[in-house]
PDB file of all heavy atoms in Angstrom:
ATOM      1  N   ILE A   1      29.209  -5.781 -14.067  1.00  0.00           N
ATOM      2  CA  ILE A   1      28.035  -6.003 -14.917  1.00  0.00           C
ATOM      3  C   ILE A   1      26.814  -5.458 -14.187  1.00  0.00           C
ATOM      4  O   ILE A   1      26.626  -5.738 -12.989  1.00  0.00           O
ATOM      5  CB  ILE A   1      27.857  -7.508 -15.186  1.00  0.00           C
ATOM      6  CG1 ILE A   1      29.138  -8.090 -15.800  1.00  0.00           C
ATOM      7  CG2 ILE A   1      26.669  -7.770 -16.110  1.00  0.00           C
ATOM      8  CD1 ILE A   1      29.211  -9.602 -15.736  1.00  0.00           C
ATOM      9  N   PRO A   2      25.959  -4.682 -14.838  1.00  0.00           N
ATOM     10  CA  PRO A   2      24.748  -4.196 -14.171  1.00  0.00           C
ATOM     11  C   PRO A   2      23.976  -5.344 -13.527  1.00  0.00           C
ATOM     12  O   PRO A   2      23.851  -6.442 -14.094  1.00  0.00           O
ATOM     13  CB  PRO A   2      23.954  -3.551 -15.312  1.00  0.00           C
ATOM     14  CG  PRO A   2      25.007  -3.104 -16.281  1.00  0.00           C
ATOM     15  CD  PRO A   2      26.079  -4.151 -16.219  1.00  0.00           C
ATOM     16  N   GLY A   3      23.461  -5.085 -12.349  1.00  0.00           N
ATOM     17  CA  GLY A   3      22.884  -6.144 -11.523  1.00  0.00           C
ATOM     18  C   GLY A   3      21.757  -6.928 -12.152  1.00  0.00           C
ATOM     19  O   GLY A   3      21.537  -8.085 -11.804  1.00  0.00           O
ATOM     20  N   ARG A   4      21.027  -6.362 -13.076  1.00  0.00           N
ATOM     21  CA  ARG A   4      19.883  -7.056 -13.673  1.00  0.00           C
ATOM     22  C   ARG A   4      20.193  -7.641 -15.051  1.00  0.00           C
ATOM     23  O   ARG A   4      19.289  -8.154 -15.714  1.00  0.00           O
ATOM     24  CB  ARG A   4      18.687  -6.099 -13.765  1.00  0.00           C
ATOM     25  CG  ARG A   4      18.212  -5.609 -12.388  1.00  0.00           C
ATOM     26  CD  ARG A   4      16.928  -4.802 -12.493  1.00  0.00           C
ATOM     27  NE  ARG A   4      16.516  -4.311 -11.188  1.00  0.00           N
ATOM     28  CZ  ARG A   4      15.826  -5.019 -10.298  1.00  0.00           C
ATOM     29  NH1 ARG A   4      15.469  -6.261 -10.590  1.00  0.00           N
ATOM     30  NH2 ARG A   4      15.482  -4.499  -9.134  1.00  0.00           N
ATOM     31  N   GLN A   5      21.446  -7.575 -15.472  1.00  0.00           N
ATOM     32  CA  GLN A   5      21.814  -8.142 -16.764  1.00  0.00           C
ATOM     33  C   GLN A   5      21.698  -9.671 -16.728  1.00  0.00           C
ATOM     34  O   GLN A   5      21.958 -10.303 -15.700  1.00  0.00           O
ATOM     35  CB  GLN A   5      23.252  -7.773 -17.115  1.00  0.00           C
ATOM     36  CG  GLN A   5      23.448  -6.329 -17.521  1.00  0.00           C
ATOM     37  CD  GLN A   5      23.058  -6.086 -18.969  1.00  0.00           C
ATOM     38  OE1 GLN A   5      22.052  -5.432 -19.237  1.00  0.00           O
ATOM     39  NE2 GLN A   5      23.828  -6.604 -19.898  1.00  0.00           N
ATOM     40  N   GLU A   6      21.337 -10.267 -17.864  1.00  0.00           N
ATOM     41  CA  GLU A   6      21.225 -11.720 -17.958  1.00  0.00           C
ATOM     42  C   GLU A   6      22.455 -12.349 -18.595  1.00  0.00           C
ATOM     43  O   GLU A   6      22.594 -13.575 -18.575  1.00  0.00           O
ATOM     44  CB  GLU A   6      19.970 -12.103 -18.746  1.00  0.00           C
ATOM     45  CG  GLU A   6      18.679 -11.685 -18.037  1.00  0.00           C
ATOM     46  CD  GLU A   6      17.437 -12.162 -18.765  1.00  0.00           C
ATOM     47  OE1 GLU A   6      17.590 -12.799 -19.837  1.00  0.00           O
ATOM     48  OE2 GLU A   6      16.331 -11.900 -18.270  1.00  0.00           O
ATOM     49  N   THR A   7      23.331 -11.547 -19.177  1.00  0.00           N
ATOM     50  CA  THR A   7      24.613 -12.039 -19.683  1.00  0.00           C
ATOM     51  C   THR A   7      25.697 -11.061 -19.242  1.00  0.00           C
ATOM     52  O   THR A   7      25.413  -9.989 -18.705  1.00  0.00           O
ATOM     53  CB  THR A   7      24.627 -12.152 -21.225  1.00  0.00           C
ATOM     54  OG1 THR A   7      24.667 -10.839 -21.798  1.00  0.00           O
ATOM     55  CG2 THR A   7      23.394 -12.898 -21.735  1.00  0.00           C
ATOM     56  N   ALA A   8      26.950 -11.449 -19.510  1.00  0.00           N
ATOM     57  CA  ALA A   8      28.076 -10.596 -19.120  1.00  0.00           C
ATOM     58  C   ALA A   8      28.311  -9.453 -20.107  1.00  0.00           C
ATOM     59  O   ALA A   8      29.118  -8.557 -19.835  1.00  0.00           O
ATOM     60  CB  ALA A   8      29.339 -11.432 -18.983  1.00  0.00           C
ATOM     61  N   ALA A   9      27.626  -9.477 -21.239  1.00  0.00           N
ATOM     62  CA  ALA A   9      27.762  -8.376 -22.187  1.00  0.00           C
ATOM     63  C   ALA A   9      27.195  -7.097 -21.568  1.00  0.00           C
ATOM     64  O   ALA A   9      26.227  -7.134 -20.808  1.00  0.00           O
ATOM     65  CB  ALA A   9      27.034  -8.705 -23.483  1.00  0.00           C
ATOM     66  N   GLY A  10      27.806  -5.980 -21.877  1.00  0.00           N
ATOM     67  CA  GLY A  10      27.310  -4.714 -21.353  1.00  0.00           C
ATOM     68  C   GLY A  10      27.977  -4.256 -20.080  1.00  0.00           C
ATOM     69  O   GLY A  10      27.648  -3.195 -19.548  1.00  0.00           O
ATOM     70  N   GLY A  11      28.914  -5.063 -19.575  1.00  0.00           N
ATOM     71  CA  GLY A  11      29.655  -4.626 -18.402  1.00  0.00           C
ATOM     72  C   GLY A  11      30.780  -3.678 -18.775  1.00  0.00           C
ATOM     73  O   GLY A  11      31.007  -3.369 -19.945  1.00  0.00           O
ATOM     74  N   ARG A  12      31.503  -3.214 -17.761  1.00  0.00           N
ATOM     75  CA  ARG A  12      32.660  -2.353 -18.042  1.00  0.00           C
ATOM     76  C   ARG A  12      33.708  -2.553 -16.953  1.00  0.00           C
ATOM     77  O   ARG A  12      33.412  -2.992 -15.836  1.00  0.00           O
ATOM     78  CB  ARG A  12      32.251  -0.890 -18.118  1.00  0.00           C
ATOM     79  CG  ARG A  12      31.735  -0.284 -16.830  1.00  0.00           C
ATOM     80  CD  ARG A  12      31.515   1.214 -17.039  1.00  0.00           C
ATOM     81  NE  ARG A  12      31.115   1.880 -15.815  1.00  0.00           N
ATOM     82  CZ  ARG A  12      31.059   3.199 -15.684  1.00  0.00           C
ATOM     83  NH1 ARG A  12      31.385   3.981 -16.697  1.00  0.00           N
ATOM     84  NH2 ARG A  12      30.692   3.753 -14.544  1.00  0.00           N
ATOM     85  N   TRP A  13      34.934  -2.249 -17.313  1.00  0.00           N
ATOM     86  CA  TRP A  13      36.040  -2.377 -16.368  1.00  0.00           C
ATOM     87  C   TRP A  13      36.064  -1.182 -15.420  1.00  0.00           C
ATOM     88  O   TRP A  13      35.891  -0.044 -15.845  1.00  0.00           O
ATOM     89  CB  TRP A  13      37.366  -2.463 -17.124  1.00  0.00           C
ATOM     90  CG  TRP A  13      37.542  -3.764 -17.853  1.00  0.00           C
ATOM     91  CD1 TRP A  13      37.321  -3.997 -19.174  1.00  0.00           C
ATOM     92  CD2 TRP A  13      37.956  -5.005 -17.277  1.00  0.00           C
ATOM     93  NE1 TRP A  13      37.573  -5.313 -19.468  1.00  0.00           N
ATOM     94  CE2 TRP A  13      37.969  -5.956 -18.326  1.00  0.00           C
ATOM     95  CE3 TRP A  13      38.317  -5.415 -16.000  1.00  0.00           C
ATOM     96  CZ2 TRP A  13      38.326  -7.285 -18.122  1.00  0.00           C
ATOM     97  CZ3 TRP A  13      38.669  -6.734 -15.795  1.00  0.00           C
ATOM     98  CH2 TRP A  13      38.676  -7.646 -16.836  1.00  0.00           C
ATOM     99  N   ARG A  14      36.272  -1.491 -14.147  1.00  0.00           N
ATOM    100  CA  ARG A  14      36.412  -0.455 -13.119  1.00  0.00           C
ATOM    101  C   ARG A  14      37.730  -0.655 -12.375  1.00  0.00           C
ATOM    102  O   ARG A  14      38.249  -1.763 -12.282  1.00  0.00           O
ATOM    103  CB  ARG A  14      35.237  -0.497 -12.135  1.00  0.00           C
ATOM    104  CG  ARG A  14      33.887  -0.175 -12.764  1.00  0.00           C
ATOM    105  CD  ARG A  14      32.822  -0.058 -11.678  1.00  0.00           C
ATOM    106  NE  ARG A  14      31.495   0.185 -12.220  1.00  0.00           N
ATOM    107  CZ  ARG A  14      31.034   1.373 -12.570  1.00  0.00           C
ATOM    108  NH1 ARG A  14      31.820   2.440 -12.442  1.00  0.00           N
ATOM    109  NH2 ARG A  14      29.814   1.522 -13.043  1.00  0.00           N
ATOM    110  N   GLN A  15      38.217   0.425 -11.819  1.00  0.00           N
ATOM    111  CA  GLN A  15      39.505   0.378 -11.135  1.00  0.00           C
ATOM    112  C   GLN A  15      39.383  -0.333  -9.796  1.00  0.00           C
ATOM    113  O   GLN A  15      38.462  -0.062  -9.021  1.00  0.00           O
ATOM    114  CB  GLN A  15      40.036   1.789 -10.922  1.00  0.00           C
ATOM    115  CG  GLN A  15      41.518   1.847 -10.591  1.00  0.00           C
ATOM    116  CD  GLN A  15      42.388   1.354 -11.736  1.00  0.00           C
ATOM    117  OE1 GLN A  15      42.088   1.596 -12.897  1.00  0.00           O
ATOM    118  NE2 GLN A  15      43.459   0.646 -11.407  1.00  0.00           N
ATOM    119  N   GLY A  16      40.306  -1.238  -9.529  1.00  0.00           N
ATOM    120  CA  GLY A  16      40.355  -1.914  -8.238  1.00  0.00           C
ATOM    121  C   GLY A  16      41.206  -1.140  -7.240  1.00  0.00           C
ATOM    122  O   GLY A  16      41.669  -0.027  -7.514  1.00  0.00           O
ATOM    123  N   PRO A  17      41.457  -1.723  -6.077  1.00  0.00           N
ATOM    124  CA  PRO A  17      42.193  -0.999  -5.032  1.00  0.00           C
ATOM    125  C   PRO A  17      43.673  -0.853  -5.318  1.00  0.00           C
ATOM    126  O   PRO A  17      44.335   0.021  -4.754  1.00  0.00           O
ATOM    127  CB  PRO A  17      41.954  -1.851  -3.781  1.00  0.00           C
ATOM    128  CG  PRO A  17      41.756  -3.232  -4.328  1.00  0.00           C
ATOM    129  CD  PRO A  17      41.013  -3.054  -5.626  1.00  0.00           C
ATOM    130  N   GLY A  18      44.226  -1.748  -6.155  1.00  0.00           N
ATOM    131  CA  GLY A  18      45.606  -1.601  -6.583  1.00  0.00           C
ATOM    132  C   GLY A  18      46.634  -1.781  -5.488  1.00  0.00           C
ATOM    133  O   GLY A  18      46.458  -2.556  -4.537  1.00  0.00           O
ATOM    134  N   LEU A  19      47.711  -1.031  -5.599  1.00  0.00           N
ATOM    135  CA  LEU A  19      48.866  -1.227  -4.739  1.00  0.00           C
ATOM    136  C   LEU A  19      48.565  -0.904  -3.280  1.00  0.00           C
ATOM    137  O   LEU A  19      49.183  -1.497  -2.378  1.00  0.00           O
ATOM    138  CB  LEU A  19      50.032  -0.365  -5.244  1.00  0.00           C
ATOM    139  CG  LEU A  19      51.385  -0.616  -4.586  1.00  0.00           C
ATOM    140  CD1 LEU A  19      51.823  -2.060  -4.757  1.00  0.00           C
ATOM    141  CD2 LEU A  19      52.433   0.345  -5.167  1.00  0.00           C
ATOM    142  N   SER A  20      47.628   0.001  -3.004  1.00  0.00           N
ATOM    143  CA  SER A  20      47.334   0.318  -1.598  1.00  0.00           C
ATOM    144  C   SER A  20      46.834  -0.914  -0.852  1.00  0.00           C
ATOM    145  O   SER A  20      47.115  -1.090   0.339  1.00  0.00           O
ATOM    146  CB  SER A  20      46.317   1.452  -1.519  1.00  0.00           C
ATOM    147  OG  SER A  20      45.023   1.030  -1.928  1.00  0.00           O
ATOM    148  N   PHE A  21      46.100  -1.776  -1.546  1.00  0.00           N
ATOM    149  CA  PHE A  21      45.611  -3.016  -0.936  1.00  0.00           C
ATOM    150  C   PHE A  21      46.778  -3.962  -0.644  1.00  0.00           C
ATOM    151  O   PHE A  21      46.869  -4.531   0.458  1.00  0.00           O
ATOM    152  CB  PHE A  21      44.601  -3.672  -1.875  1.00  0.00           C
ATOM    153  CG  PHE A  21      44.112  -5.017  -1.426  1.00  0.00           C
ATOM    154  CD1 PHE A  21      43.345  -5.136  -0.282  1.00  0.00           C
ATOM    155  CD2 PHE A  21      44.410  -6.164  -2.150  1.00  0.00           C
ATOM    156  CE1 PHE A  21      42.885  -6.374   0.140  1.00  0.00           C
ATOM    157  CE2 PHE A  21      43.947  -7.404  -1.741  1.00  0.00           C
ATOM    158  CZ  PHE A  21      43.185  -7.507  -0.591  1.00  0.00           C
ATOM    159  N   ILE A  22      47.678  -4.113  -1.599  1.00  0.00           N
ATOM    160  CA  ILE A  22      48.840  -4.983  -1.409  1.00  0.00           C
ATOM    161  C   ILE A  22      49.704  -4.476  -0.260  1.00  0.00           C
ATOM    162  O   ILE A  22      50.182  -5.251   0.578  1.00  0.00           O
ATOM    163  CB  ILE A  22      49.670  -5.070  -2.706  1.00  0.00           C
ATOM    164  CG1 ILE A  22      48.795  -5.581  -3.870  1.00  0.00           C
ATOM    165  CG2 ILE A  22      50.886  -5.953  -2.503  1.00  0.00           C
ATOM    166  CD1 ILE A  22      48.183  -6.937  -3.654  1.00  0.00           C
ATOM    167  N   GLU A  23      49.884  -3.175  -0.201  1.00  0.00           N
ATOM    168  CA  GLU A  23      50.703  -2.601   0.876  1.00  0.00           C
ATOM    169  C   GLU A  23      50.063  -2.834   2.243  1.00  0.00           C
ATOM    170  O   GLU A  23      50.767  -3.076   3.230  1.00  0.00           O
ATOM    171  CB  GLU A  23      50.910  -1.110   0.624  1.00  0.00           C
ATOM    172  CG  GLU A  23      51.821  -0.824  -0.566  1.00  0.00           C
ATOM    173  CD  GLU A  23      51.889   0.657  -0.908  1.00  0.00           C
ATOM    174  OE1 GLU A  23      50.966   1.402  -0.480  1.00  0.00           O
ATOM    175  OE2 GLU A  23      52.838   1.061  -1.612  1.00  0.00           O
ATOM    176  N   ALA A  24      48.724  -2.792   2.298  1.00  0.00           N
ATOM    177  CA  ALA A  24      48.039  -3.056   3.561  1.00  0.00           C
ATOM    178  C   ALA A  24      48.259  -4.493   4.010  1.00  0.00           C
ATOM    179  O   ALA A  24      48.450  -4.772   5.203  1.00  0.00           O
ATOM    180  CB  ALA A  24      46.546  -2.763   3.417  1.00  0.00           C
ATOM    181  N   ILE A  25      48.223  -5.434   3.061  1.00  0.00           N
ATOM    182  CA  ILE A  25      48.479  -6.836   3.402  1.00  0.00           C
ATOM    183  C   ILE A  25      49.898  -6.990   3.939  1.00  0.00           C
ATOM    184  O   ILE A  25      50.124  -7.617   4.979  1.00  0.00           O
ATOM    185  CB  ILE A  25      48.284  -7.740   2.169  1.00  0.00           C
ATOM    186  CG1 ILE A  25      46.828  -7.708   1.688  1.00  0.00           C
ATOM    187  CG2 ILE A  25      48.685  -9.181   2.498  1.00  0.00           C
ATOM    188  CD1 ILE A  25      46.594  -8.459   0.398  1.00  0.00           C
ATOM    189  N   LYS A  26      50.854  -6.428   3.236  1.00  0.00           N
ATOM    190  CA  LYS A  26      52.250  -6.596   3.631  1.00  0.00           C
ATOM    191  C   LYS A  26      52.547  -5.924   4.966  1.00  0.00           C
ATOM    192  O   LYS A  26      53.381  -6.403   5.739  1.00  0.00           O
ATOM    193  CB  LYS A  26      53.163  -6.057   2.530  1.00  0.00           C
ATOM    194  CG  LYS A  26      53.163  -6.943   1.282  1.00  0.00           C
ATOM    195  CD  LYS A  26      54.150  -6.448   0.256  1.00  0.00           C
ATOM    196  CE  LYS A  26      54.287  -7.452  -0.882  1.00  0.00           C
ATOM    197  NZ  LYS A  26      54.901  -8.714  -0.468  1.00  0.00           N
ATOM    198  N   GLN A  27      51.865  -4.845   5.248  1.00  0.00           N
ATOM    199  CA  GLN A  27      52.086  -4.164   6.516  1.00  0.00           C
ATOM    200  C   GLN A  27      51.493  -4.950   7.674  1.00  0.00           C
ATOM    201  O   GLN A  27      52.107  -5.060   8.749  1.00  0.00           O
ATOM    202  CB  GLN A  27      51.470  -2.764   6.471  1.00  0.00           C
ATOM    203  CG  GLN A  27      51.647  -1.985   7.775  1.00  0.00           C
ATOM    204  CD  GLN A  27      51.058  -0.593   7.696  1.00  0.00           C
ATOM    205  OE1 GLN A  27      50.614  -0.143   6.636  1.00  0.00           O
ATOM    206  NE2 GLN A  27      51.041   0.116   8.811  1.00  0.00           N
TER     207      GLN A  27
END
C-alpha cells in the first residue's frame, strides 16, 4: 500500500522472495 494512503484500498500485490527464501532457511 502506498506509504501515505489512509486505507488499504489502492494497494497492489508484489512478488515475494518465494522458494529461494525457503531454501535458504532449510540450508
